[in-house]
């Protein structure tokens, strides 16, 4: 079920990137909500009606996905912050980093296989 949640989220992040309205969100800006465990709430606050995160924030569809996702992002932050360009070729846009790290969670496979 978490794999489905992750792939759906990739589509939502990709949509925000495609809009181009959120290009000003930097890598450094995205770090705080990742570390606070509130990245999904941050995205909702920034993007408003441009993103629907209700299945992650307002329901039990994915069994506390928000906390699980935050924990995995924090792990990636602890391991790779400052090394985004070398590892993923990302040096500017926070949403691109979030997309890459969500993909990395899938590639690592730990915790989402039920």
PDB file of N, CA and C in Angstrom:
ATOM      1  N   UNK A   1       0.827  -1.200   0.000  1.00  0.00           N
ATOM      2  CA  UNK A   1       0.000   0.000   0.000  1.00  0.00           C
ATOM      3  C   UNK A   1       0.868   1.260   0.000  1.00  0.00           C
ATOM      4  N   UNK A   2       2.009   1.236   0.704  1.00  0.00           N
ATOM      5  CA  UNK A   2       2.861   2.426   0.735  1.00  0.00           C
ATOM      6  C   UNK A   2       3.495   2.699  -0.621  1.00  0.00           C
ATOM      7  N   UNK A   3       3.752   1.661  -1.393  1.00  0.00           N
ATOM      8  CA  UNK A   3       4.276   1.874  -2.741  1.00  0.00           C
ATOM      9  C   UNK A   3       3.271   2.669  -3.567  1.00  0.00           C
ATOM     10  N   UNK A   4       2.010   2.328  -3.457  1.00  0.00           N
ATOM     11  CA  UNK A   4       0.957   3.077  -4.147  1.00  0.00           C
ATOM     12  C   UNK A   4       0.935   4.523  -3.669  1.00  0.00           C
ATOM     13  N   UNK A   5       1.028   4.719  -2.366  1.00  0.00           N
ATOM     14  CA  UNK A   5       1.033   6.079  -1.813  1.00  0.00           C
ATOM     15  C   UNK A   5       2.214   6.883  -2.343  1.00  0.00           C
ATOM     16  N   UNK A   6       3.378   6.259  -2.410  1.00  0.00           N
ATOM     17  CA  UNK A   6       4.574   6.948  -2.904  1.00  0.00           C
ATOM     18  C   UNK A   6       4.451   7.308  -4.382  1.00  0.00           C
ATOM     19  N   UNK A   7       3.970   6.381  -5.182  1.00  0.00           N
ATOM     20  CA  UNK A   7       3.866   6.664  -6.617  1.00  0.00           C
ATOM     21  C   UNK A   7       2.793   7.717  -6.899  1.00  0.00           C
ATOM     22  N   UNK A   8       1.712   7.694  -6.150  1.00  0.00           N
ATOM     23  CA  UNK A   8       0.706   8.753  -6.293  1.00  0.00           C
ATOM     24  C   UNK A   8       1.291  10.107  -5.901  1.00  0.00           C
ATOM     25  N   UNK A   9       2.087  10.122  -4.847  1.00  0.00           N
ATOM     26  CA  UNK A   9       2.701  11.364  -4.393  1.00  0.00           C
ATOM     27  C   UNK A   9       3.696  11.900  -5.419  1.00  0.00           C
ATOM     28  N   UNK A  10       4.429  11.023  -6.065  1.00  0.00           N
ATOM     29  CA  UNK A  10       5.343  11.456  -7.129  1.00  0.00           C
ATOM     30  C   UNK A  10       4.571  12.206  -8.211  1.00  0.00           C
ATOM     31  N   UNK A  11       3.413  11.697  -8.583  1.00  0.00           N
ATOM     32  CA  UNK A  11       2.587  12.384  -9.577  1.00  0.00           C
ATOM     33  C   UNK A  11       2.150  13.762  -9.112  1.00  0.00           C
ATOM     34  N   UNK A  12       1.827  13.886  -7.843  1.00  0.00           N
ATOM     35  CA  UNK A  12       1.388  15.173  -7.305  1.00  0.00           C
ATOM     36  C   UNK A  12       2.541  16.185  -7.254  1.00  0.00           C
ATOM     37  N   UNK A  13       3.723  15.725  -6.845  1.00  0.00           N
ATOM     38  CA  UNK A  13       4.896  16.605  -6.823  1.00  0.00           C
ATOM     39  C   UNK A  13       5.268  17.009  -8.245  1.00  0.00           C
ATOM     40  N   UNK A  14       5.215  16.054  -9.150  1.00  0.00           N
ATOM     41  CA  UNK A  14       5.528  16.334 -10.552  1.00  0.00           C
ATOM     42  C   UNK A  14       4.586  17.398 -11.119  1.00  0.00           C
ATOM     43  N   UNK A  15       3.321  17.325 -10.754  1.00  0.00           N
ATOM     44  CA  UNK A  15       2.342  18.331 -11.191  1.00  0.00           C
ATOM     45  C   UNK A  15       2.755  19.725 -10.724  1.00  0.00           C
ATOM     46  N   UNK A  16       3.159  19.838  -9.463  1.00  0.00           N
ATOM     47  CA  UNK A  16       3.586  21.143  -8.948  1.00  0.00           C
ATOM     48  C   UNK A  16       4.812  21.663  -9.691  1.00  0.00           C
ATOM     49  N   UNK A  17       5.744  20.770  -9.986  1.00  0.00           N
ATOM     50  CA  UNK A  17       6.932  21.175 -10.750  1.00  0.00           C
ATOM     51  C   UNK A  17       6.513  21.673 -12.129  1.00  0.00           C
ATOM     52  N   UNK A  18       5.615  20.947 -12.772  1.00  0.00           N
ATOM     53  CA  UNK A  18       5.170  21.306 -14.115  1.00  0.00           C
ATOM     54  C   UNK A  18       4.471  22.664 -14.151  1.00  0.00           C
ATOM     55  N   UNK A  19       3.748  22.997 -13.097  1.00  0.00           N
ATOM     56  CA  UNK A  19       3.072  24.294 -13.061  1.00  0.00           C
ATOM     57  C   UNK A  19       4.063  25.450 -13.124  1.00  0.00           C
ATOM     58  N   UNK A  20       5.252  25.246 -12.594  1.00  0.00           N
ATOM     59  CA  UNK A  20       6.269  26.289 -12.604  1.00  0.00           C
ATOM     60  C   UNK A  20       6.049  27.392 -11.583  1.00  0.00           C
ATOM     61  N   UNK A  21       4.947  27.328 -10.855  1.00  0.00           N
ATOM     62  CA  UNK A  21       4.612  28.368  -9.886  1.00  0.00           C
ATOM     63  C   UNK A  21       5.392  28.242  -8.587  1.00  0.00           C
ATOM     64  N   UNK A  22       6.053  27.119  -8.395  1.00  0.00           N
ATOM     65  CA  UNK A  22       6.717  26.849  -7.122  1.00  0.00           C
ATOM     66  C   UNK A  22       8.221  26.668  -7.296  1.00  0.00           C
ATOM     67  N   UNK A  23       8.731  27.203  -8.388  1.00  0.00           N
ATOM     68  CA  UNK A  23      10.165  27.095  -8.676  1.00  0.00           C
ATOM     69  C   UNK A  23      11.021  27.825  -7.646  1.00  0.00           C
ATOM     70  N   UNK A  24      10.416  28.776  -6.935  1.00  0.00           N
ATOM     71  CA  UNK A  24      11.180  29.546  -5.949  1.00  0.00           C
ATOM     72  C   UNK A  24      11.460  28.759  -4.670  1.00  0.00           C
ATOM     73  N   UNK A  25      10.813  27.616  -4.495  1.00  0.00           N
ATOM     74  CA  UNK A  25      11.080  26.793  -3.309  1.00  0.00           C
ATOM     75  C   UNK A  25      12.463  26.168  -3.481  1.00  0.00           C
ATOM     76  N   UNK A  26      13.373  26.573  -2.623  1.00  0.00           N
ATOM     77  CA  UNK A  26      14.752  26.102  -2.735  1.00  0.00           C
ATOM     78  C   UNK A  26      14.968  24.809  -1.942  1.00  0.00           C
ATOM     79  N   UNK A  27      16.090  24.202  -2.187  1.00  0.00           N
ATOM     80  CA  UNK A  27      16.477  23.018  -1.420  1.00  0.00           C
ATOM     81  C   UNK A  27      16.560  23.371   0.062  1.00  0.00           C
ATOM     82  N   UNK A  28      17.182  24.488   0.371  1.00  0.00           N
ATOM     83  CA  UNK A  28      17.331  24.899   1.766  1.00  0.00           C
ATOM     84  C   UNK A  28      15.974  25.131   2.429  1.00  0.00           C
ATOM     85  N   UNK A  29      15.035  25.681   1.670  1.00  0.00           N
ATOM     86  CA  UNK A  29      13.702  25.950   2.222  1.00  0.00           C
ATOM     87  C   UNK A  29      12.957  24.656   2.532  1.00  0.00           C
ATOM     88  N   UNK A  30      13.196  23.628   1.764  1.00  0.00           N
ATOM     89  CA  UNK A  30      12.476  22.368   1.937  1.00  0.00           C
ATOM     90  C   UNK A  30      13.012  21.566   3.133  1.00  0.00           C
ATOM     91  N   UNK A  31      14.247  21.878   3.546  1.00  0.00           N
ATOM     92  CA  UNK A  31      14.854  21.154   4.668  1.00  0.00           C
ATOM     93  C   UNK A  31      14.059  21.291   5.967  1.00  0.00           C
ATOM     94  N   UNK A  32      13.596  22.503   6.300  1.00  0.00           N
ATOM     95  CA  UNK A  32      12.917  22.713   7.579  1.00  0.00           C
ATOM     96  C   UNK A  32      11.668  21.849   7.724  1.00  0.00           C
ATOM     97  N   UNK A  33      10.733  21.882   6.777  1.00  0.00           N
ATOM     98  CA  UNK A  33       9.556  21.025   6.957  1.00  0.00           C
ATOM     99  C   UNK A  33       9.889  19.533   6.916  1.00  0.00           C
ATOM    100  N   UNK A  34      10.970  19.161   6.237  1.00  0.00           N
ATOM    101  CA  UNK A  34      11.390  17.759   6.283  1.00  0.00           C
ATOM    102  C   UNK A  34      11.823  17.421   7.702  1.00  0.00           C
ATOM    103  N   UNK A  35      12.666  18.265   8.280  1.00  0.00           N
ATOM    104  CA  UNK A  35      13.156  18.005   9.633  1.00  0.00           C
ATOM    105  C   UNK A  35      12.063  18.101  10.688  1.00  0.00           C
ATOM    106  N   UNK A  36      11.061  18.943  10.441  1.00  0.00           N
ATOM    107  CA  UNK A  36       9.940  19.076  11.372  1.00  0.00           C
ATOM    108  C   UNK A  36       8.922  17.947  11.225  1.00  0.00           C
ATOM    109  N   UNK A  37       9.071  17.118  10.183  1.00  0.00           N
ATOM    110  CA  UNK A  37       8.122  16.036   9.945  1.00  0.00           C
ATOM    111  C   UNK A  37       6.805  16.512   9.370  1.00  0.00           C
ATOM    112  N   UNK A  38       6.813  17.691   8.749  1.00  0.00           N
ATOM    113  CA  UNK A  38       5.567  18.292   8.262  1.00  0.00           C
ATOM    114  C   UNK A  38       5.644  18.669   6.793  1.00  0.00           C
ATOM    115  N   UNK A  39       6.369  17.905   6.016  1.00  0.00           N
ATOM    116  CA  UNK A  39       6.557  18.266   4.615  1.00  0.00           C
ATOM    117  C   UNK A  39       5.246  18.263   3.830  1.00  0.00           C
ATOM    118  N   UNK A  40       4.362  17.319   4.112  1.00  0.00           N
ATOM    119  CA  UNK A  40       3.094  17.281   3.376  1.00  0.00           C
ATOM    120  C   UNK A  40       2.227  18.483   3.730  1.00  0.00           C
ATOM    121  N   UNK A  41       2.213  18.866   4.981  1.00  0.00           N
ATOM    122  CA  UNK A  41       1.450  20.050   5.400  1.00  0.00           C
ATOM    123  C   UNK A  41       2.056  21.323   4.801  1.00  0.00           C
ATOM    124  N   UNK A  42       3.368  21.357   4.712  1.00  0.00           N
ATOM    125  CA  UNK A  42       4.060  22.478   4.075  1.00  0.00           C
ATOM    126  C   UNK A  42       3.644  22.587   2.602  1.00  0.00           C
ATOM    127  N   UNK A  43       3.644  21.463   1.897  1.00  0.00           N
ATOM    128  CA  UNK A  43       3.243  21.479   0.484  1.00  0.00           C
ATOM    129  C   UNK A  43       1.815  21.973   0.324  1.00  0.00           C
ATOM    130  N   UNK A  44       0.930  21.502   1.192  1.00  0.00           N
ATOM    131  CA  UNK A  44      -0.468  21.921   1.119  1.00  0.00           C
ATOM    132  C   UNK A  44      -0.598  23.415   1.381  1.00  0.00           C
ATOM    133  N   UNK A  45       0.148  23.907   2.362  1.00  0.00           N
ATOM    134  CA  UNK A  45       0.104  25.333   2.680  1.00  0.00           C
ATOM    135  C   UNK A  45       0.630  26.175   1.515  1.00  0.00           C
ATOM    136  N   UNK A  46       1.720  25.747   0.907  1.00  0.00           N
ATOM    137  CA  UNK A  46       2.324  26.494  -0.203  1.00  0.00           C
ATOM    138  C   UNK A  46       1.476  26.422  -1.471  1.00  0.00           C
ATOM    139  N   UNK A  47       0.974  25.236  -1.786  1.00  0.00           N
ATOM    140  CA  UNK A  47       0.318  25.018  -3.080  1.00  0.00           C
ATOM    141  C   UNK A  47      -1.196  25.163  -3.037  1.00  0.00           C
ATOM    142  N   UNK A  48      -1.782  25.147  -1.876  1.00  0.00           N
ATOM    143  CA  UNK A  48      -3.224  25.337  -1.762  1.00  0.00           C
ATOM    144  C   UNK A  48      -4.023  24.393  -2.638  1.00  0.00           C
ATOM    145  N   UNK A  49      -4.856  24.959  -3.494  1.00  0.00           N
ATOM    146  CA  UNK A  49      -5.726  24.155  -4.355  1.00  0.00           C
ATOM    147  C   UNK A  49      -5.000  23.488  -5.518  1.00  0.00           C
ATOM    148  N   UNK A  50      -3.722  23.775  -5.676  1.00  0.00           N
ATOM    149  CA  UNK A  50      -2.955  23.128  -6.746  1.00  0.00           C
ATOM    150  C   UNK A  50      -2.567  21.693  -6.402  1.00  0.00           C
ATOM    151  N   UNK A  51      -2.786  21.285  -5.154  1.00  0.00           N
ATOM    152  CA  UNK A  51      -2.440  19.920  -4.758  1.00  0.00           C
ATOM    153  C   UNK A  51      -3.480  19.396  -3.769  1.00  0.00           C
ATOM    154  N   UNK A  52      -3.879  18.162  -3.964  1.00  0.00           N
ATOM    155  CA  UNK A  52      -4.814  17.512  -3.049  1.00  0.00           C
ATOM    156  C   UNK A  52      -4.056  16.421  -2.300  1.00  0.00           C
ATOM    157  N   UNK A  53      -3.824  16.662  -1.036  1.00  0.00           N
ATOM    158  CA  UNK A  53      -3.118  15.688  -0.196  1.00  0.00           C
ATOM    159  C   UNK A  53      -4.039  15.070   0.848  1.00  0.00           C
ATOM    160  N   UNK A  54      -5.335  15.165   0.621  1.00  0.00           N
ATOM    161  CA  UNK A  54      -6.293  14.699   1.625  1.00  0.00           C
ATOM    162  C   UNK A  54      -6.143  13.218   1.953  1.00  0.00           C
ATOM    163  N   UNK A  55      -5.756  12.401   0.981  1.00  0.00           N
ATOM    164  CA  UNK A  55      -5.609  10.972   1.286  1.00  0.00           C
ATOM    165  C   UNK A  55      -4.419  10.711   2.206  1.00  0.00           C
ATOM    166  N   UNK A  56      -3.523  11.666   2.309  1.00  0.00           N
ATOM    167  CA  UNK A  56      -2.372  11.537   3.206  1.00  0.00           C
ATOM    168  C   UNK A  56      -2.599  12.241   4.541  1.00  0.00           C
ATOM    169  N   UNK A  57      -3.340  13.335   4.532  1.00  0.00           N
ATOM    170  CA  UNK A  57      -3.463  14.182   5.715  1.00  0.00           C
ATOM    171  C   UNK A  57      -4.762  14.006   6.492  1.00  0.00           C
ATOM    172  N   UNK A  58      -5.851  13.695   5.813  1.00  0.00           N
ATOM    173  CA  UNK A  58      -7.159  13.714   6.468  1.00  0.00           C
ATOM    174  C   UNK A  58      -7.832  12.359   6.564  1.00  0.00           C
ATOM    175  N   UNK A  59      -7.099  11.315   6.310  1.00  0.00           N
ATOM    176  CA  UNK A  59      -7.729  10.001   6.372  1.00  0.00           C
ATOM    177  C   UNK A  59      -6.719   8.961   6.801  1.00  0.00           C
ATOM    178  N   UNK A  60      -7.192   7.785   6.993  1.00  0.00           N
ATOM    179  CA  UNK A  60      -6.329   6.659   7.366  1.00  0.00           C
ATOM    180  C   UNK A  60      -6.090   5.737   6.173  1.00  0.00           C
ATOM    181  N   UNK A  61      -6.281   6.265   4.972  1.00  0.00           N
ATOM    182  CA  UNK A  61      -6.125   5.459   3.762  1.00  0.00           C
ATOM    183  C   UNK A  61      -4.794   4.735   3.729  1.00  0.00           C
ATOM    184  N   UNK A  62      -3.720   5.450   4.099  1.00  0.00           N
ATOM    185  CA  UNK A  62      -2.385   4.863   4.028  1.00  0.00           C
ATOM    186  C   UNK A  62      -1.733   4.714   5.403  1.00  0.00           C
ATOM    187  N   UNK A  63      -2.539   4.557   6.444  1.00  0.00           N
ATOM    188  CA  UNK A  63      -2.041   4.225   7.792  1.00  0.00           C
ATOM    189  C   UNK A  63      -0.894   5.106   8.265  1.00  0.00           C
ATOM    190  N   UNK A  64      -1.162   6.335   8.574  1.00  0.00           N
ATOM    191  CA  UNK A  64      -0.175   7.287   9.086  1.00  0.00           C
ATOM    192  C   UNK A  64       1.012   7.436   8.149  1.00  0.00           C
ATOM    193  N   UNK A  65       0.725   7.542   6.875  1.00  0.00           N
ATOM    194  CA  UNK A  65       1.762   7.723   5.862  1.00  0.00           C
ATOM    195  C   UNK A  65       2.606   8.957   6.137  1.00  0.00           C
ATOM    196  N   UNK A  66       1.974  10.005   6.625  1.00  0.00           N
ATOM    197  CA  UNK A  66       2.704  11.257   6.853  1.00  0.00           C
ATOM    198  C   UNK A  66       3.918  11.043   7.760  1.00  0.00           C
ATOM    199  N   UNK A  67       3.752  10.354   8.866  1.00  0.00           N
ATOM    200  CA  UNK A  67       4.867  10.096   9.791  1.00  0.00           C
ATOM    201  C   UNK A  67       5.897   9.171   9.173  1.00  0.00           C
ATOM    202  N   UNK A  68       5.432   8.140   8.506  1.00  0.00           N
ATOM    203  CA  UNK A  68       6.328   7.176   7.864  1.00  0.00           C
ATOM    204  C   UNK A  68       7.180   7.868   6.800  1.00  0.00           C
ATOM    205  N   UNK A  69       6.544   8.681   5.976  1.00  0.00           N
ATOM    206  CA  UNK A  69       7.230   9.406   4.909  1.00  0.00           C
ATOM    207  C   UNK A  69       8.247  10.391   5.494  1.00  0.00           C
ATOM    208  N   UNK A  70       7.827  11.118   6.515  1.00  0.00           N
ATOM    209  CA  UNK A  70       8.728  12.082   7.157  1.00  0.00           C
ATOM    210  C   UNK A  70       9.966  11.387   7.709  1.00  0.00           C
ATOM    211  N   UNK A  71       9.785  10.250   8.326  1.00  0.00           N
ATOM    212  CA  UNK A  71      10.913   9.496   8.886  1.00  0.00           C
ATOM    213  C   UNK A  71      11.911   9.102   7.795  1.00  0.00           C
ATOM    214  N   UNK A  72      11.403   8.647   6.663  1.00  0.00           N
ATOM    215  CA  UNK A  72      12.284   8.254   5.560  1.00  0.00           C
ATOM    216  C   UNK A  72      12.981   9.463   4.926  1.00  0.00           C
ATOM    217  N   UNK A  73      12.273  10.571   4.803  1.00  0.00           N
ATOM    218  CA  UNK A  73      12.903  11.786   4.280  1.00  0.00           C
ATOM    219  C   UNK A  73      13.986  12.287   5.234  1.00  0.00           C
ATOM    220  N   UNK A  74      13.718  12.224   6.531  1.00  0.00           N
ATOM    221  CA  UNK A  74      14.708  12.654   7.519  1.00  0.00           C
ATOM    222  C   UNK A  74      15.957  11.787   7.454  1.00  0.00           C
ATOM    223  N   UNK A  75      15.774  10.520   7.214  1.00  0.00           N
ATOM    224  CA  UNK A  75      16.912   9.616   7.062  1.00  0.00           C
ATOM    225  C   UNK A  75      17.758  10.009   5.850  1.00  0.00           C
ATOM    226  N   UNK A  76      17.105  10.325   4.746  1.00  0.00           N
ATOM    227  CA  UNK A  76      17.830  10.774   3.551  1.00  0.00           C
ATOM    228  C   UNK A  76      18.521  12.111   3.798  1.00  0.00           C
ATOM    229  N   UNK A  77      17.851  12.998   4.502  1.00  0.00           N
ATOM    230  CA  UNK A  77      18.455  14.285   4.845  1.00  0.00           C
ATOM    231  C   UNK A  77      19.732  14.068   5.656  1.00  0.00           C
ATOM    232  N   UNK A  78      19.646  13.220   6.666  1.00  0.00           N
ATOM    233  CA  UNK A  78      20.807  12.961   7.521  1.00  0.00           C
ATOM    234  C   UNK A  78      21.965  12.349   6.741  1.00  0.00           C
ATOM    235  N   UNK A  79      21.652  11.570   5.744  1.00  0.00           N
ATOM    236  CA  UNK A  79      22.698  10.894   4.967  1.00  0.00           C
ATOM    237  C   UNK A  79      23.251  11.749   3.828  1.00  0.00           C
ATOM    238  N   UNK A  80      22.410  12.584   3.214  1.00  0.00           N
ATOM    239  CA  UNK A  80      22.813  13.207   1.948  1.00  0.00           C
ATOM    240  C   UNK A  80      22.674  14.723   1.859  1.00  0.00           C
ATOM    241  N   UNK A  81      22.176  15.397   2.881  1.00  0.00           N
ATOM    242  CA  UNK A  81      22.008  16.849   2.733  1.00  0.00           C
ATOM    243  C   UNK A  81      23.356  17.493   2.429  1.00  0.00           C
ATOM    244  N   UNK A  82      23.343  18.389   1.473  1.00  0.00           N
ATOM    245  CA  UNK A  82      24.561  19.035   1.011  1.00  0.00           C
ATOM    246  C   UNK A  82      25.231  18.302  -0.138  1.00  0.00           C
ATOM    247  N   UNK A  83      24.769  17.099  -0.419  1.00  0.00           N
ATOM    248  CA  UNK A  83      25.375  16.278  -1.472  1.00  0.00           C
ATOM    249  C   UNK A  83      24.374  15.968  -2.593  1.00  0.00           C
ATOM    250  N   UNK A  84      23.329  16.791  -2.693  1.00  0.00           N
ATOM    251  CA  UNK A  84      22.243  16.535  -3.646  1.00  0.00           C
ATOM    252  C   UNK A  84      22.709  16.593  -5.098  1.00  0.00           C
ATOM    253  N   UNK A  85      23.606  17.502  -5.387  1.00  0.00           N
ATOM    254  CA  UNK A  85      24.059  17.646  -6.768  1.00  0.00           C
ATOM    255  C   UNK A  85      24.842  16.414  -7.217  1.00  0.00           C
ATOM    256  N   UNK A  86      25.732  15.941  -6.389  1.00  0.00           N
ATOM    257  CA  UNK A  86      26.525  14.769  -6.754  1.00  0.00           C
ATOM    258  C   UNK A  86      25.651  13.521  -6.867  1.00  0.00           C
ATOM    259  N   UNK A  87      24.744  13.346  -5.921  1.00  0.00           N
ATOM    260  CA  UNK A  87      23.951  12.115  -5.860  1.00  0.00           C
ATOM    261  C   UNK A  87      22.802  12.100  -6.875  1.00  0.00           C
ATOM    262  N   UNK A  88      22.104  13.245  -7.033  1.00  0.00           N
ATOM    263  CA  UNK A  88      20.914  13.270  -7.894  1.00  0.00           C
ATOM    264  C   UNK A  88      20.960  14.335  -8.983  1.00  0.00           C
ATOM    265  N   UNK A  89      22.001  15.130  -9.040  1.00  0.00           N
ATOM    266  CA  UNK A  89      22.094  16.181 -10.049  1.00  0.00           C
ATOM    267  C   UNK A  89      21.169  17.354  -9.790  1.00  0.00           C
ATOM    268  N   UNK A  90      20.796  17.562  -8.535  1.00  0.00           N
ATOM    269  CA  UNK A  90      19.868  18.640  -8.182  1.00  0.00           C
ATOM    270  C   UNK A  90      20.619  19.673  -7.349  1.00  0.00           C
ATOM    271  N   UNK A  91      20.512  20.939  -7.773  1.00  0.00           N
ATOM    272  CA  UNK A  91      21.214  21.975  -7.023  1.00  0.00           C
ATOM    273  C   UNK A  91      20.379  23.207  -6.711  1.00  0.00           C
ATOM    274  N   UNK A  92      19.132  23.256  -7.164  1.00  0.00           N
ATOM    275  CA  UNK A  92      18.345  24.470  -6.963  1.00  0.00           C
ATOM    276  C   UNK A  92      16.951  24.240  -6.381  1.00  0.00           C
ATOM    277  N   UNK A  93      16.156  23.460  -7.034  1.00  0.00           N
ATOM    278  CA  UNK A  93      14.726  23.399  -6.730  1.00  0.00           C
ATOM    279  C   UNK A  93      14.386  22.357  -5.662  1.00  0.00           C
ATOM    280  N   UNK A  94      13.718  22.846  -4.625  1.00  0.00           N
ATOM    281  CA  UNK A  94      13.314  21.982  -3.527  1.00  0.00           C
ATOM    282  C   UNK A  94      12.341  20.895  -3.943  1.00  0.00           C
ATOM    283  N   UNK A  95      11.422  21.216  -4.853  1.00  0.00           N
ATOM    284  CA  UNK A  95      10.461  20.199  -5.294  1.00  0.00           C
ATOM    285  C   UNK A  95      11.148  19.095  -6.087  1.00  0.00           C
ATOM    286  N   UNK A  96      12.176  19.449  -6.837  1.00  0.00           N
ATOM    287  CA  UNK A  96      12.934  18.422  -7.568  1.00  0.00           C
ATOM    288  C   UNK A  96      13.640  17.493  -6.588  1.00  0.00           C
ATOM    289  N   UNK A  97      14.166  18.060  -5.513  1.00  0.00           N
ATOM    290  CA  UNK A  97      14.801  17.226  -4.490  1.00  0.00           C
ATOM    291  C   UNK A  97      13.771  16.314  -3.835  1.00  0.00           C
ATOM    292  N   UNK A  98      12.612  16.854  -3.510  1.00  0.00           N
ATOM    293  CA  UNK A  98      11.569  16.050  -2.888  1.00  0.00           C
ATOM    294  C   UNK A  98      11.142  14.907  -3.805  1.00  0.00           C
ATOM    295  N   UNK A  99      11.039  15.181  -5.085  1.00  0.00           N
ATOM    296  CA  UNK A  99      10.713  14.145  -6.064  1.00  0.00           C
ATOM    297  C   UNK A  99      11.805  13.073  -6.092  1.00  0.00           C
ATOM    298  N   UNK A 100      13.062  13.504  -6.131  1.00  0.00           N
ATOM    299  CA  UNK A 100      14.181  12.555  -6.160  1.00  0.00           C
ATOM    300  C   UNK A 100      14.229  11.713  -4.892  1.00  0.00           C
ATOM    301  N   UNK A 101      13.999  12.329  -3.744  1.00  0.00           N
ATOM    302  CA  UNK A 101      14.059  11.579  -2.486  1.00  0.00           C
ATOM    303  C   UNK A 101      12.879  10.623  -2.352  1.00  0.00           C
ATOM    304  N   UNK A 102      11.726  11.001  -2.869  1.00  0.00           N
ATOM    305  CA  UNK A 102      10.581  10.084  -2.852  1.00  0.00           C
ATOM    306  C   UNK A 102      10.881   8.881  -3.732  1.00  0.00           C
ATOM    307  N   UNK A 103      11.473   9.126  -4.875  1.00  0.00           N
ATOM    308  CA  UNK A 103      11.899   8.037  -5.749  1.00  0.00           C
ATOM    309  C   UNK A 103      12.957   7.169  -5.062  1.00  0.00           C
ATOM    310  N   UNK A 104      13.867   7.793  -4.345  1.00  0.00           N
ATOM    311  CA  UNK A 104      14.914   7.059  -3.620  1.00  0.00           C
ATOM    312  C   UNK A 104      14.310   6.130  -2.566  1.00  0.00           C
ATOM    313  N   UNK A 105      13.266   6.580  -1.896  1.00  0.00           N
ATOM    314  CA  UNK A 105      12.584   5.727  -0.912  1.00  0.00           C
ATOM    315  C   UNK A 105      12.066   4.469  -1.601  1.00  0.00           C
ATOM    316  N   UNK A 106      11.497   4.633  -2.786  1.00  0.00           N
ATOM    317  CA  UNK A 106      11.020   3.475  -3.548  1.00  0.00           C
ATOM    318  C   UNK A 106      12.188   2.574  -3.912  1.00  0.00           C
ATOM    319  N   UNK A 107      13.272   3.151  -4.397  1.00  0.00           N
ATOM    320  CA  UNK A 107      14.424   2.347  -4.801  1.00  0.00           C
ATOM    321  C   UNK A 107      15.028   1.585  -3.632  1.00  0.00           C
ATOM    322  N   UNK A 108      15.052   2.199  -2.465  1.00  0.00           N
ATOM    323  CA  UNK A 108      15.604   1.518  -1.290  1.00  0.00           C
ATOM    324  C   UNK A 108      14.719   0.358  -0.858  1.00  0.00           C
ATOM    325  N   UNK A 109      13.423   0.511  -1.059  1.00  0.00           N
ATOM    326  CA  UNK A 109      12.502  -0.585  -0.809  1.00  0.00           C
ATOM    327  C   UNK A 109      12.219  -0.923   0.633  1.00  0.00           C
ATOM    328  N   UNK A 110      12.963  -0.388   1.562  1.00  0.00           N
ATOM    329  CA  UNK A 110      12.756  -0.777   2.953  1.00  0.00           C
ATOM    330  C   UNK A 110      11.538  -0.090   3.536  1.00  0.00           C
ATOM    331  N   UNK A 111      10.712  -0.876   4.179  1.00  0.00           N
ATOM    332  CA  UNK A 111       9.575  -0.325   4.887  1.00  0.00           C
ATOM    333  C   UNK A 111       8.301  -0.202   4.087  1.00  0.00           C
ATOM    334  N   UNK A 112       8.373  -0.242   2.767  1.00  0.00           N
ATOM    335  CA  UNK A 112       7.125  -0.118   2.013  1.00  0.00           C
ATOM    336  C   UNK A 112       6.625  -1.451   1.511  1.00  0.00           C
ATOM    337  N   UNK A 113       7.440  -2.484   1.583  1.00  0.00           N
ATOM    338  CA  UNK A 113       6.995  -3.813   1.176  1.00  0.00           C
ATOM    339  C   UNK A 113       6.219  -4.409   2.339  1.00  0.00           C
ATOM    340  N   UNK A 114       4.975  -4.736   2.090  1.00  0.00           N
ATOM    341  CA  UNK A 114       4.133  -5.263   3.174  1.00  0.00           C
ATOM    342  C   UNK A 114       4.030  -6.765   3.105  1.00  0.00           C
TER     343      UNK A 114
END
